[in-house]
Amino acid sequence: MKLPHFDYEAPETVPEAVELLAEHLDEASVLAGGQSLIPLLAMRLAYPAVLIDINGIAELSGVSAANGWVTIGAMTREYVAENSGTVAGTVPLLAAALPLIGHEAIRNRGTIGGSLAHADPTSSS
């Protein structure tokens, strides 16, 4: 099935993305990995006027630990978190759960933020 028509924006910084989201409000959808959003678009369950692709915003990706806290960026691919020594060493339950998300192809493209935003524990439809 074809996706519905939408305008496409690809901001390169967080301020640009925030500005686009503020401008378009509920008419926008954010594209990260697309493992949850693209099937929703294809099934015509989502009709955004604007698709805001945040894949080019490097600062939204990565895993780090400091002062007893682990930070996982919203654009971090699930396979990156799955293979992270930081996650394994500090959040072993998460490290054990990550390989159970969808299948390998889903984890290679899907993002932590996308799974949380769509409340999609399998990251696939």
PDB file of N, CA and C in Angstrom:
ATOM      1  N   MET A   1       0.842  -1.173   0.000  1.00  0.00           N
ATOM      2  CA  MET A   1       0.000   0.000   0.000  1.00  0.00           C
ATOM      3  C   MET A   1       0.890   1.239   0.000  1.00  0.00           C
ATOM      4  N   LYS A   2       0.481   2.256  -0.735  1.00  0.00           N
ATOM      5  CA  LYS A   2       1.233   3.499  -0.798  1.00  0.00           C
ATOM      6  C   LYS A   2       1.010   4.326   0.461  1.00  0.00           C
ATOM      7  N   LEU A   3       2.047   5.076   0.808  1.00  0.00           N
ATOM      8  CA  LEU A   3       1.942   5.986   1.949  1.00  0.00           C
ATOM      9  C   LEU A   3       1.096   7.188   1.558  1.00  0.00           C
ATOM     10  N   PRO A   4       0.431   7.816   2.533  1.00  0.00           N
ATOM     11  CA  PRO A   4      -0.322   9.037   2.228  1.00  0.00           C
ATOM     12  C   PRO A   4       0.645  10.170   1.881  1.00  0.00           C
ATOM     13  N   HIS A   5       0.131  11.196   1.251  1.00  0.00           N
ATOM     14  CA  HIS A   5       0.953  12.363   0.918  1.00  0.00           C
ATOM     15  C   HIS A   5       1.306  13.136   2.192  1.00  0.00           C
ATOM     16  N   PHE A   6       2.541  13.603   2.263  1.00  0.00           N
ATOM     17  CA  PHE A   6       2.974  14.465   3.360  1.00  0.00           C
ATOM     18  C   PHE A   6       4.162  15.280   2.881  1.00  0.00           C
ATOM     19  N   ASP A   7       4.386  16.407   3.529  1.00  0.00           N
ATOM     20  CA  ASP A   7       5.599  17.186   3.291  1.00  0.00           C
ATOM     21  C   ASP A   7       6.709  16.555   4.116  1.00  0.00           C
ATOM     22  N   TYR A   8       7.933  16.738   3.675  1.00  0.00           N
ATOM     23  CA  TYR A   8       9.081  16.107   4.319  1.00  0.00           C
ATOM     24  C   TYR A   8      10.089  17.174   4.737  1.00  0.00           C
ATOM     25  N   GLU A   9      10.523  17.094   5.985  1.00  0.00           N
ATOM     26  CA  GLU A   9      11.550  17.997   6.518  1.00  0.00           C
ATOM     27  C   GLU A   9      12.639  17.155   7.169  1.00  0.00           C
ATOM     28  N   ALA A  10      13.895  17.557   7.005  1.00  0.00           N
ATOM     29  CA  ALA A  10      15.018  16.829   7.598  1.00  0.00           C
ATOM     30  C   ALA A  10      15.932  17.810   8.330  1.00  0.00           C
ATOM     31  N   PRO A  11      15.553  18.189   9.547  1.00  0.00           N
ATOM     32  CA  PRO A  11      16.400  19.128  10.299  1.00  0.00           C
ATOM     33  C   PRO A  11      17.736  18.488  10.647  1.00  0.00           C
ATOM     34  N   GLU A  12      18.747  19.320  10.824  1.00  0.00           N
ATOM     35  CA  GLU A  12      20.080  18.829  11.155  1.00  0.00           C
ATOM     36  C   GLU A  12      20.474  19.102  12.595  1.00  0.00           C
ATOM     37  N   THR A  13      19.652  19.880  13.307  1.00  0.00           N
ATOM     38  CA  THR A  13      19.946  20.190  14.706  1.00  0.00           C
ATOM     39  C   THR A  13      18.672  20.041  15.540  1.00  0.00           C
ATOM     40  N   VAL A  14      18.851  19.891  16.837  1.00  0.00           N
ATOM     41  CA  VAL A  14      17.697  19.815  17.735  1.00  0.00           C
ATOM     42  C   VAL A  14      16.873  21.103  17.684  1.00  0.00           C
ATOM     43  N   PRO A  15      17.492  22.301  17.727  1.00  0.00           N
ATOM     44  CA  PRO A  15      16.672  23.518  17.631  1.00  0.00           C
ATOM     45  C   PRO A  15      15.832  23.584  16.349  1.00  0.00           C
ATOM     46  N   GLU A  16      16.389  23.126  15.227  1.00  0.00           N
ATOM     47  CA  GLU A  16      15.614  23.104  13.986  1.00  0.00           C
ATOM     48  C   GLU A  16      14.421  22.161  14.110  1.00  0.00           C
ATOM     49  N   ALA A  17      14.638  20.997  14.697  1.00  0.00           N
ATOM     50  CA  ALA A  17      13.554  20.024  14.870  1.00  0.00           C
ATOM     51  C   ALA A  17      12.476  20.577  15.797  1.00  0.00           C
ATOM     52  N   VAL A  18      12.885  21.201  16.884  1.00  0.00           N
ATOM     53  CA  VAL A  18      11.928  21.783  17.829  1.00  0.00           C
ATOM     54  C   VAL A  18      11.117  22.886  17.155  1.00  0.00           C
ATOM     55  N   GLU A  19      11.784  23.698  16.346  1.00  0.00           N
ATOM     56  CA  GLU A  19      11.089  24.769  15.626  1.00  0.00           C
ATOM     57  C   GLU A  19      10.029  24.182  14.673  1.00  0.00           C
ATOM     58  N   LEU A  20      10.384  23.130  13.958  1.00  0.00           N
ATOM     59  CA  LEU A  20       9.425  22.489  13.050  1.00  0.00           C
ATOM     60  C   LEU A  20       8.251  21.884  13.809  1.00  0.00           C
ATOM     61  N   LEU A  21       8.544  21.249  14.926  1.00  0.00           N
ATOM     62  CA  LEU A  21       7.475  20.660  15.739  1.00  0.00           C
ATOM     63  C   LEU A  21       6.555  21.740  16.295  1.00  0.00           C
ATOM     64  N   ALA A  22       7.121  22.852  16.729  1.00  0.00           N
ATOM     65  CA  ALA A  22       6.303  23.958  17.242  1.00  0.00           C
ATOM     66  C   ALA A  22       5.452  24.570  16.131  1.00  0.00           C
ATOM     67  N   GLU A  23       6.003  24.630  14.942  1.00  0.00           N
ATOM     68  CA  GLU A  23       5.276  25.196  13.805  1.00  0.00           C
ATOM     69  C   GLU A  23       4.112  24.304  13.370  1.00  0.00           C
ATOM     70  N   HIS A  24       4.330  22.991  13.360  1.00  0.00           N
ATOM     71  CA  HIS A  24       3.327  22.075  12.807  1.00  0.00           C
ATOM     72  C   HIS A  24       2.472  21.365  13.861  1.00  0.00           C
ATOM     73  N   LEU A  25       2.880  21.431  15.117  1.00  0.00           N
ATOM     74  CA  LEU A  25       2.115  20.855  16.235  1.00  0.00           C
ATOM     75  C   LEU A  25       1.619  19.441  15.917  1.00  0.00           C
ATOM     76  N   ASP A  26       0.332  19.197  16.072  1.00  0.00           N
ATOM     77  CA  ASP A  26      -0.231  17.853  15.901  1.00  0.00           C
ATOM     78  C   ASP A  26      -0.280  17.382  14.453  1.00  0.00           C
ATOM     79  N   GLU A  27       0.062  18.263  13.522  1.00  0.00           N
ATOM     80  CA  GLU A  27       0.050  17.891  12.104  1.00  0.00           C
ATOM     81  C   GLU A  27       1.339  17.189  11.688  1.00  0.00           C
ATOM     82  N   ALA A  28       2.310  17.097  12.612  1.00  0.00           N
ATOM     83  CA  ALA A  28       3.612  16.511  12.286  1.00  0.00           C
ATOM     84  C   ALA A  28       3.793  15.157  12.955  1.00  0.00           C
ATOM     85  N   SER A  29       4.550  14.303  12.281  1.00  0.00           N
ATOM     86  CA  SER A  29       5.033  13.054  12.870  1.00  0.00           C
ATOM     87  C   SER A  29       6.540  13.054  12.743  1.00  0.00           C
ATOM     88  N   VAL A  30       7.203  12.458  13.739  1.00  0.00           N
ATOM     89  CA  VAL A  30       8.657  12.394  13.747  1.00  0.00           C
ATOM     90  C   VAL A  30       9.083  11.023  13.248  1.00  0.00           C
ATOM     91  N   LEU A  31      10.004  11.014  12.281  1.00  0.00           N
ATOM     92  CA  LEU A  31      10.553   9.779  11.741  1.00  0.00           C
ATOM     93  C   LEU A  31      11.928   9.553  12.332  1.00  0.00           C
ATOM     94  N   ALA A  32      12.087   8.434  13.000  1.00  0.00           N
ATOM     95  CA  ALA A  32      13.394   8.030  13.518  1.00  0.00           C
ATOM     96  C   ALA A  32      13.789   6.776  12.738  1.00  0.00           C
ATOM     97  N   GLY A  33      13.563   5.607  13.312  1.00  0.00           N
ATOM     98  CA  GLY A  33      13.864   4.367  12.591  1.00  0.00           C
ATOM     99  C   GLY A  33      12.779   3.981  11.608  1.00  0.00           C
ATOM    100  N   GLY A  34      11.544   4.341  11.923  1.00  0.00           N
ATOM    101  CA  GLY A  34      10.430   4.065  11.028  1.00  0.00           C
ATOM    102  C   GLY A  34       9.805   2.695  11.195  1.00  0.00           C
ATOM    103  N   GLN A  35      10.298   1.899  12.124  1.00  0.00           N
ATOM    104  CA  GLN A  35       9.806   0.530  12.278  1.00  0.00           C
ATOM    105  C   GLN A  35       8.371   0.471  12.792  1.00  0.00           C
ATOM    106  N   SER A  36       7.924   1.496  13.471  1.00  0.00           N
ATOM    107  CA  SER A  36       6.531   1.572  13.920  1.00  0.00           C
ATOM    108  C   SER A  36       5.732   2.543  13.060  1.00  0.00           C
ATOM    109  N   LEU A  37       6.324   3.670  12.707  1.00  0.00           N
ATOM    110  CA  LEU A  37       5.597   4.712  11.985  1.00  0.00           C
ATOM    111  C   LEU A  37       5.264   4.314  10.544  1.00  0.00           C
ATOM    112  N   ILE A  38       6.197   3.759   9.814  1.00  0.00           N
ATOM    113  CA  ILE A  38       5.957   3.444   8.403  1.00  0.00           C
ATOM    114  C   ILE A  38       4.793   2.461   8.238  1.00  0.00           C
ATOM    115  N   PRO A  39       4.692   1.399   9.031  1.00  0.00           N
ATOM    116  CA  PRO A  39       3.497   0.547   8.906  1.00  0.00           C
ATOM    117  C   PRO A  39       2.204   1.293   9.222  1.00  0.00           C
ATOM    118  N   LEU A  40       2.225   2.211  10.196  1.00  0.00           N
ATOM    119  CA  LEU A  40       1.029   3.005  10.499  1.00  0.00           C
ATOM    120  C   LEU A  40       0.634   3.870   9.305  1.00  0.00           C
ATOM    121  N   LEU A  41       1.623   4.445   8.627  1.00  0.00           N
ATOM    122  CA  LEU A  41       1.351   5.242   7.439  1.00  0.00           C
ATOM    123  C   LEU A  41       0.806   4.361   6.313  1.00  0.00           C
ATOM    124  N   ALA A  42       1.437   3.211   6.114  1.00  0.00           N
ATOM    125  CA  ALA A  42       1.029   2.313   5.033  1.00  0.00           C
ATOM    126  C   ALA A  42      -0.393   1.788   5.223  1.00  0.00           C
ATOM    127  N   MET A  43      -0.777   1.566   6.467  1.00  0.00           N
ATOM    128  CA  MET A  43      -2.133   1.074   6.756  1.00  0.00           C
ATOM    129  C   MET A  43      -3.136   2.215   6.883  1.00  0.00           C
ATOM    130  N   ARG A  44      -2.660   3.429   6.634  1.00  0.00           N
ATOM    131  CA  ARG A  44      -3.498   4.629   6.704  1.00  0.00           C
ATOM    132  C   ARG A  44      -4.094   4.839   8.098  1.00  0.00           C
ATOM    133  N   LEU A  45      -3.302   4.481   9.100  1.00  0.00           N
ATOM    134  CA  LEU A  45      -3.707   4.732  10.479  1.00  0.00           C
ATOM    135  C   LEU A  45      -3.101   6.037  11.002  1.00  0.00           C
ATOM    136  N   ALA A  46      -2.205   6.624  10.219  1.00  0.00           N
ATOM    137  CA  ALA A  46      -1.604   7.917  10.542  1.00  0.00           C
ATOM    138  C   ALA A  46      -1.581   8.748   9.268  1.00  0.00           C
ATOM    139  N   TYR A  47      -1.927  10.031   9.401  1.00  0.00           N
ATOM    140  CA  TYR A  47      -1.984  10.958   8.268  1.00  0.00           C
ATOM    141  C   TYR A  47      -1.300  12.272   8.618  1.00  0.00           C
ATOM    142  N   PRO A  48       0.008  12.268   8.830  1.00  0.00           N
ATOM    143  CA  PRO A  48       0.652  13.548   9.151  1.00  0.00           C
ATOM    144  C   PRO A  48       0.709  14.453   7.926  1.00  0.00           C
ATOM    145  N   ALA A  49       0.603  15.744   8.160  1.00  0.00           N
ATOM    146  CA  ALA A  49       0.786  16.706   7.071  1.00  0.00           C
ATOM    147  C   ALA A  49       2.271  16.865   6.770  1.00  0.00           C
ATOM    148  N   VAL A  50       3.105  16.687   7.814  1.00  0.00           N
ATOM    149  CA  VAL A  50       4.545  16.856   7.689  1.00  0.00           C
ATOM    150  C   VAL A  50       5.243  15.705   8.406  1.00  0.00           C
ATOM    151  N   LEU A  51       6.235  15.140   7.747  1.00  0.00           N
ATOM    152  CA  LEU A  51       7.078  14.117   8.355  1.00  0.00           C
ATOM    153  C   LEU A  51       8.420  14.772   8.654  1.00  0.00           C
ATOM    154  N   ILE A  52       8.831  14.768   9.922  1.00  0.00           N
ATOM    155  CA  ILE A  52      10.076  15.391  10.338  1.00  0.00           C
ATOM    156  C   ILE A  52      11.083  14.285  10.623  1.00  0.00           C
ATOM    157  N   ASP A  53      12.045  14.142   9.748  1.00  0.00           N
ATOM    158  CA  ASP A  53      13.047  13.074   9.805  1.00  0.00           C
ATOM    159  C   ASP A  53      14.219  13.540  10.665  1.00  0.00           C
ATOM    160  N   ILE A  54      14.403  12.914  11.822  1.00  0.00           N
ATOM    161  CA  ILE A  54      15.466  13.332  12.741  1.00  0.00           C
ATOM    162  C   ILE A  54      16.713  12.454  12.644  1.00  0.00           C
ATOM    163  N   ASN A  55      16.797  11.631  11.606  1.00  0.00           N
ATOM    164  CA  ASN A  55      17.948  10.753  11.449  1.00  0.00           C
ATOM    165  C   ASN A  55      19.271  11.499  11.305  1.00  0.00           C
ATOM    166  N   GLY A  56      19.250  12.720  10.837  1.00  0.00           N
ATOM    167  CA  GLY A  56      20.479  13.481  10.653  1.00  0.00           C
ATOM    168  C   GLY A  56      20.962  14.237  11.878  1.00  0.00           C
ATOM    169  N   ILE A  57      20.294  14.054  13.008  1.00  0.00           N
ATOM    170  CA  ILE A  57      20.679  14.789  14.225  1.00  0.00           C
ATOM    171  C   ILE A  57      21.519  13.866  15.115  1.00  0.00           C
ATOM    172  N   ALA A  58      22.828  13.930  14.922  1.00  0.00           N
ATOM    173  CA  ALA A  58      23.752  13.015  15.597  1.00  0.00           C
ATOM    174  C   ALA A  58      23.694  13.108  17.123  1.00  0.00           C
ATOM    175  N   GLU A  59      23.422  14.279  17.648  1.00  0.00           N
ATOM    176  CA  GLU A  59      23.448  14.450  19.106  1.00  0.00           C
ATOM    177  C   GLU A  59      22.325  13.690  19.816  1.00  0.00           C
ATOM    178  N   LEU A  60      21.367  13.153  19.065  1.00  0.00           N
ATOM    179  CA  LEU A  60      20.275  12.387  19.680  1.00  0.00           C
ATOM    180  C   LEU A  60      20.609  10.904  19.815  1.00  0.00           C
ATOM    181  N   SER A  61      21.798  10.500  19.394  1.00  0.00           N
ATOM    182  CA  SER A  61      22.199   9.095  19.447  1.00  0.00           C
ATOM    183  C   SER A  61      23.314   8.884  20.449  1.00  0.00           C
ATOM    184  N   GLY A  62      23.375   7.678  20.977  1.00  0.00           N
ATOM    185  CA  GLY A  62      24.497   7.297  21.816  1.00  0.00           C
ATOM    186  C   GLY A  62      24.093   6.818  23.187  1.00  0.00           C
ATOM    187  N   VAL A  63      25.040   6.142  23.818  1.00  0.00           N
ATOM    188  CA  VAL A  63      24.867   5.600  25.163  1.00  0.00           C
ATOM    189  C   VAL A  63      26.020   6.130  26.006  1.00  0.00           C
ATOM    190  N   SER A  64      25.698   6.643  27.188  1.00  0.00           N
ATOM    191  CA  SER A  64      26.744   7.122  28.090  1.00  0.00           C
ATOM    192  C   SER A  64      26.313   6.895  29.529  1.00  0.00           C
ATOM    193  N   ALA A  65      27.292   6.907  30.412  1.00  0.00           N
ATOM    194  CA  ALA A  65      27.013   6.751  31.841  1.00  0.00           C
ATOM    195  C   ALA A  65      27.829   7.772  32.617  1.00  0.00           C
ATOM    196  N   ALA A  66      27.193   8.377  33.630  1.00  0.00           N
ATOM    197  CA  ALA A  66      27.875   9.338  34.496  1.00  0.00           C
ATOM    198  C   ALA A  66      27.104   9.462  35.800  1.00  0.00           C
ATOM    199  N   ASN A  67      27.816   9.507  36.883  1.00  0.00           N
ATOM    200  CA  ASN A  67      27.226   9.718  38.210  1.00  0.00           C
ATOM    201  C   ASN A  67      26.104   8.731  38.528  1.00  0.00           C
ATOM    202  N   GLY A  68      26.264   7.498  38.116  1.00  0.00           N
ATOM    203  CA  GLY A  68      25.270   6.476  38.416  1.00  0.00           C
ATOM    204  C   GLY A  68      24.066   6.451  37.495  1.00  0.00           C
ATOM    205  N   TRP A  69      24.055   7.288  36.461  1.00  0.00           N
ATOM    206  CA  TRP A  69      22.948   7.354  35.508  1.00  0.00           C
ATOM    207  C   TRP A  69      23.417   6.898  34.131  1.00  0.00           C
ATOM    208  N   VAL A  70      22.539   6.204  33.423  1.00  0.00           N
ATOM    209  CA  VAL A  70      22.804   5.822  32.039  1.00  0.00           C
ATOM    210  C   VAL A  70      21.877   6.642  31.160  1.00  0.00           C
ATOM    211  N   THR A  71      22.433   7.231  30.119  1.00  0.00           N
ATOM    212  CA  THR A  71      21.653   8.002  29.164  1.00  0.00           C
ATOM    213  C   THR A  71      21.702   7.293  27.822  1.00  0.00           C
ATOM    214  N   ILE A  72      20.516   7.055  27.255  1.00  0.00           N
ATOM    215  CA  ILE A  72      20.412   6.461  25.927  1.00  0.00           C
ATOM    216  C   ILE A  72      19.638   7.451  25.068  1.00  0.00           C
ATOM    217  N   GLY A  73      20.281   7.961  24.042  1.00  0.00           N
ATOM    218  CA  GLY A  73      19.636   8.934  23.162  1.00  0.00           C
ATOM    219  C   GLY A  73      18.455   8.315  22.425  1.00  0.00           C
ATOM    220  N   ALA A  74      17.455   9.130  22.157  1.00  0.00           N
ATOM    221  CA  ALA A  74      16.237   8.650  21.501  1.00  0.00           C
ATOM    222  C   ALA A  74      16.505   8.047  20.130  1.00  0.00           C
ATOM    223  N   MET A  75      17.521   8.524  19.421  1.00  0.00           N
ATOM    224  CA  MET A  75      17.837   8.013  18.084  1.00  0.00           C
ATOM    225  C   MET A  75      18.792   6.829  18.114  1.00  0.00           C
ATOM    226  N   THR A  76      19.117   6.346  19.293  1.00  0.00           N
ATOM    227  CA  THR A  76      20.025   5.208  19.397  1.00  0.00           C
ATOM    228  C   THR A  76      19.344   3.967  18.850  1.00  0.00           C
ATOM    229  N   ARG A  77      19.960   3.350  17.881  1.00  0.00           N
ATOM    230  CA  ARG A  77      19.422   2.103  17.323  1.00  0.00           C
ATOM    231  C   ARG A  77      19.429   1.033  18.404  1.00  0.00           C
ATOM    232  N   GLU A  78      18.420   0.197  18.370  1.00  0.00           N
ATOM    233  CA  GLU A  78      18.301  -0.838  19.393  1.00  0.00           C
ATOM    234  C   GLU A  78      19.521  -1.757  19.405  1.00  0.00           C
ATOM    235  N   TYR A  79      20.101  -2.049  18.219  1.00  0.00           N
ATOM    236  CA  TYR A  79      21.277  -2.927  18.199  1.00  0.00           C
ATOM    237  C   TYR A  79      22.475  -2.269  18.869  1.00  0.00           C
ATOM    238  N   VAL A  80      22.580  -0.939  18.810  1.00  0.00           N
ATOM    239  CA  VAL A  80      23.683  -0.239  19.468  1.00  0.00           C
ATOM    240  C   VAL A  80      23.561  -0.395  20.979  1.00  0.00           C
ATOM    241  N   ALA A  81      22.353  -0.199  21.504  1.00  0.00           N
ATOM    242  CA  ALA A  81      22.134  -0.380  22.945  1.00  0.00           C
ATOM    243  C   ALA A  81      22.346  -1.841  23.338  1.00  0.00           C
ATOM    244  N   GLU A  82      21.875  -2.742  22.476  1.00  0.00           N
ATOM    245  CA  GLU A  82      22.016  -4.186  22.745  1.00  0.00           C
ATOM    246  C   GLU A  82      23.484  -4.586  22.869  1.00  0.00           C
ATOM    247  N   ASN A  83      24.342  -3.993  22.076  1.00  0.00           N
ATOM    248  CA  ASN A  83      25.765  -4.350  22.055  1.00  0.00           C
ATOM    249  C   ASN A  83      26.623  -3.436  22.914  1.00  0.00           C
ATOM    250  N   SER A  84      25.990  -2.552  23.679  1.00  0.00           N
ATOM    251  CA  SER A  84      26.725  -1.588  24.489  1.00  0.00           C
ATOM    252  C   SER A  84      27.244  -2.218  25.781  1.00  0.00           C
ATOM    253  N   GLY A  85      28.532  -2.105  25.996  1.00  0.00           N
ATOM    254  CA  GLY A  85      29.117  -2.548  27.261  1.00  0.00           C
ATOM    255  C   GLY A  85      28.614  -1.711  28.422  1.00  0.00           C
ATOM    256  N   THR A  86      28.322  -0.439  28.170  1.00  0.00           N
ATOM    257  CA  THR A  86      27.780   0.443  29.209  1.00  0.00           C
ATOM    258  C   THR A  86      26.426  -0.070  29.678  1.00  0.00           C
ATOM    259  N   VAL A  87      25.546  -0.404  28.742  1.00  0.00           N
ATOM    260  CA  VAL A  87      24.225  -0.928  29.109  1.00  0.00           C
ATOM    261  C   VAL A  87      24.385  -2.259  29.844  1.00  0.00           C
ATOM    262  N   ALA A  88      25.208  -3.151  29.310  1.00  0.00           N
ATOM    263  CA  ALA A  88      25.400  -4.470  29.930  1.00  0.00           C
ATOM    264  C   ALA A  88      25.930  -4.345  31.357  1.00  0.00           C
ATOM    265  N   GLY A  89      26.846  -3.411  31.563  1.00  0.00           N
ATOM    266  CA  GLY A  89      27.470  -3.274  32.874  1.00  0.00           C
ATOM    267  C   GLY A  89      26.647  -2.523  33.893  1.00  0.00           C
ATOM    268  N   THR A  90      25.739  -1.655  33.446  1.00  0.00           N
ATOM    269  CA  THR A  90      25.003  -0.823  34.396  1.00  0.00           C
ATOM    270  C   THR A  90      23.515  -1.127  34.478  1.00  0.00           C
ATOM    271  N   VAL A  91      22.944  -1.671  33.403  1.00  0.00           N
ATOM    272  CA  VAL A  91      21.509  -1.986  33.384  1.00  0.00           C
ATOM    273  C   VAL A  91      21.341  -3.394  32.810  1.00  0.00           C
ATOM    274  N   PRO A  92      21.740  -4.406  33.559  1.00  0.00           N
ATOM    275  CA  PRO A  92      21.739  -5.762  33.009  1.00  0.00           C
ATOM    276  C   PRO A  92      20.353  -6.269  32.589  1.00  0.00           C
ATOM    277  N   LEU A  93      19.304  -5.824  33.242  1.00  0.00           N
ATOM    278  CA  LEU A  93      17.959  -6.257  32.836  1.00  0.00           C
ATOM    279  C   LEU A  93      17.620  -5.723  31.448  1.00  0.00           C
ATOM    280  N   LEU A  94      17.973  -4.477  31.179  1.00  0.00           N
ATOM    281  CA  LEU A  94      17.751  -3.925  29.851  1.00  0.00           C
ATOM    282  C   LEU A  94      18.597  -4.671  28.824  1.00  0.00           C
ATOM    283  N   ALA A  95      19.834  -4.948  29.162  1.00  0.00           N
ATOM    284  CA  ALA A  95      20.713  -5.691  28.254  1.00  0.00           C
ATOM    285  C   ALA A  95      20.128  -7.065  27.926  1.00  0.00           C
ATOM    286  N   ALA A  96      19.489  -7.697  28.890  1.00  0.00           N
ATOM    287  CA  ALA A  96      18.868  -9.011  28.658  1.00  0.00           C
ATOM    288  C   ALA A  96      17.604  -8.887  27.814  1.00  0.00           C
ATOM    289  N   ALA A  97      16.895  -7.757  27.920  1.00  0.00           N
ATOM    290  CA  ALA A  97      15.632  -7.578  27.194  1.00  0.00           C
ATOM    291  C   ALA A  97      15.834  -7.153  25.742  1.00  0.00           C
ATOM    292  N   LEU A  98      16.858  -6.382  25.463  1.00  0.00           N
ATOM    293  CA  LEU A  98      17.047  -5.829  24.123  1.00  0.00           C
ATOM    294  C   LEU A  98      17.100  -6.886  23.014  1.00  0.00           C
ATOM    295  N   PRO A  99      17.752  -8.032  23.204  1.00  0.00           N
ATOM    296  CA  PRO A  99      17.766  -9.024  22.126  1.00  0.00           C
ATOM    297  C   PRO A  99      16.390  -9.648  21.840  1.00  0.00           C
ATOM    298  N   LEU A 100      15.417  -9.389  22.693  1.00  0.00           N
ATOM    299  CA  LEU A 100      14.085  -9.957  22.522  1.00  0.00           C
ATOM    300  C   LEU A 100      13.149  -9.034  21.737  1.00  0.00           C
ATOM    301  N   ILE A 101      13.624  -7.858  21.369  1.00  0.00           N
ATOM    302  CA  ILE A 101      12.809  -6.911  20.607  1.00  0.00           C
ATOM    303  C   ILE A 101      12.785  -7.353  19.151  1.00  0.00           C
ATOM    304  N   GLY A 102      11.597  -7.556  18.612  1.00  0.00           N
ATOM    305  CA  GLY A 102      11.450  -7.877  17.197  1.00  0.00           C
ATOM    306  C   GLY A 102      12.433  -8.933  16.746  1.00  0.00           C
ATOM    307  N   HIS A 103      13.078  -8.706  15.632  1.00  0.00           N
ATOM    308  CA  HIS A 103      14.135  -9.578  15.145  1.00  0.00           C
ATOM    309  C   HIS A 103      15.317  -8.709  14.754  1.00  0.00           C
ATOM    310  N   GLU A 104      16.401  -9.314  14.333  1.00  0.00           N
ATOM    311  CA  GLU A 104      17.644  -8.571  14.109  1.00  0.00           C
ATOM    312  C   GLU A 104      17.476  -7.400  13.137  1.00  0.00           C
ATOM    313  N   ALA A 105      16.740  -7.599  12.065  1.00  0.00           N
ATOM    314  CA  ALA A 105      16.556  -6.510  11.096  1.00  0.00           C
ATOM    315  C   ALA A 105      15.827  -5.323  11.718  1.00  0.00           C
ATOM    316  N   ILE A 106      14.855  -5.605  12.576  1.00  0.00           N
ATOM    317  CA  ILE A 106      14.125  -4.535  13.263  1.00  0.00           C
ATOM    318  C   ILE A 106      15.071  -3.787  14.193  1.00  0.00           C
ATOM    319  N   ARG A 107      15.873  -4.515  14.959  1.00  0.00           N
ATOM    320  CA  ARG A 107      16.784  -3.876  15.910  1.00  0.00           C
ATOM    321  C   ARG A 107      17.874  -3.069  15.207  1.00  0.00           C
ATOM    322  N   ASN A 108      18.233  -3.442  13.998  1.00  0.00           N
ATOM    323  CA  ASN A 108      19.252  -2.698  13.258  1.00  0.00           C
ATOM    324  C   ASN A 108      18.748  -1.336  12.802  1.00  0.00           C
ATOM    325  N   ARG A 109      17.469  -1.183  12.621  1.00  0.00           N
ATOM    326  CA  ARG A 109      16.914   0.085  12.142  1.00  0.00           C
ATOM    327  C   ARG A 109      16.099   0.803  13.218  1.00  0.00           C
ATOM    328  N   GLY A 110      15.408   0.042  14.067  1.00  0.00           N
ATOM    329  CA  GLY A 110      14.545   0.635  15.079  1.00  0.00           C
ATOM    330  C   GLY A 110      15.318   1.392  16.142  1.00  0.00           C
ATOM    331  N   THR A 111      14.661   2.399  16.713  1.00  0.00           N
ATOM    332  CA  THR A 111      15.301   3.220  17.737  1.00  0.00           C
ATOM    333  C   THR A 111      14.610   3.050  19.086  1.00  0.00           C
ATOM    334  N   ILE A 112      15.360   3.301  20.124  1.00  0.00           N
ATOM    335  CA  ILE A 112      14.820   3.252  21.481  1.00  0.00           C
ATOM    336  C   ILE A 112      13.675   4.258  21.614  1.00  0.00           C
ATOM    337  N   GLY A 113      13.890   5.471  21.153  1.00  0.00           N
ATOM    338  CA  GLY A 113      12.866   6.518  21.250  1.00  0.00           C
ATOM    339  C   GLY A 113      11.604   6.178  20.487  1.00  0.00           C
ATOM    340  N   GLY A 114      11.754   5.594  19.314  1.00  0.00           N
ATOM    341  CA  GLY A 114      10.583   5.223  18.515  1.00  0.00           C
ATOM    342  C   GLY A 114       9.747   4.155  19.194  1.00  0.00           C
ATOM    343  N   SER A 115      10.406   3.167  19.765  1.00  0.00           N
ATOM    344  CA  SER A 115       9.674   2.111  20.466  1.00  0.00           C
ATOM    345  C   SER A 115       8.911   2.676  21.657  1.00  0.00           C
ATOM    346  N   LEU A 116       9.541   3.599  22.366  1.00  0.00           N
ATOM    347  CA  LEU A 116       8.876   4.218  23.513  1.00  0.00           C
ATOM    348  C   LEU A 116       7.730   5.140  23.072  1.00  0.00           C
ATOM    349  N   ALA A 117       7.977   5.930  22.027  1.00  0.00           N
ATOM    350  CA  ALA A 117       6.966   6.875  21.560  1.00  0.00           C
ATOM    351  C   ALA A 117       5.715   6.170  21.049  1.00  0.00           C
ATOM    352  N   HIS A 118       5.904   5.025  20.424  1.00  0.00           N
ATOM    353  CA  HIS A 118       4.770   4.290  19.877  1.00  0.00           C
ATOM    354  C   HIS A 118       4.263   3.218  20.831  1.00  0.00           C
ATOM    355  N   ALA A 119       4.872   3.119  22.012  1.00  0.00           N
ATOM    356  CA  ALA A 119       4.499   2.076  22.981  1.00  0.00           C
ATOM    357  C   ALA A 119       4.470   0.716  22.283  1.00  0.00           C
ATOM    358  N   ASP A 120       5.495   0.470  21.483  1.00  0.00           N
ATOM    359  CA  ASP A 120       5.566  -0.722  20.657  1.00  0.00           C
ATOM    360  C   ASP A 120       6.674  -1.634  21.173  1.00  0.00           C
ATOM    361  N   PRO A 121       6.361  -2.588  22.033  1.00  0.00           N
ATOM    362  CA  PRO A 121       7.395  -3.409  22.637  1.00  0.00           C
ATOM    363  C   PRO A 121       8.083  -4.332  21.655  1.00  0.00           C
ATOM    364  N   THR A 122       7.463  -4.613  20.518  1.00  0.00           N
ATOM    365  CA  THR A 122       8.095  -5.499  19.538  1.00  0.00           C
ATOM    366  C   THR A 122       8.752  -4.729  18.418  1.00  0.00           C
ATOM    367  N   SER A 123       8.486  -3.449  18.343  1.00  0.00           N
ATOM    368  CA  SER A 123       9.016  -2.579  17.293  1.00  0.00           C
ATOM    369  C   SER A 123       8.652  -3.060  15.898  1.00  0.00           C
ATOM    370  N   SER A 124       7.584  -3.776  15.795  1.00  0.00           N
ATOM    371  CA  SER A 124       7.110  -4.189  14.477  1.00  0.00           C
ATOM    372  C   SER A 124       5.597  -4.314  14.533  1.00  0.00           C
ATOM    373  N   SER A 125       4.983  -4.181  13.401  1.00  0.00           N
ATOM    374  CA  SER A 125       3.530  -4.270  13.341  1.00  0.00           C
ATOM    375  C   SER A 125       3.107  -5.540  12.674  1.00  0.00           C
TER     376      SER A 125
END
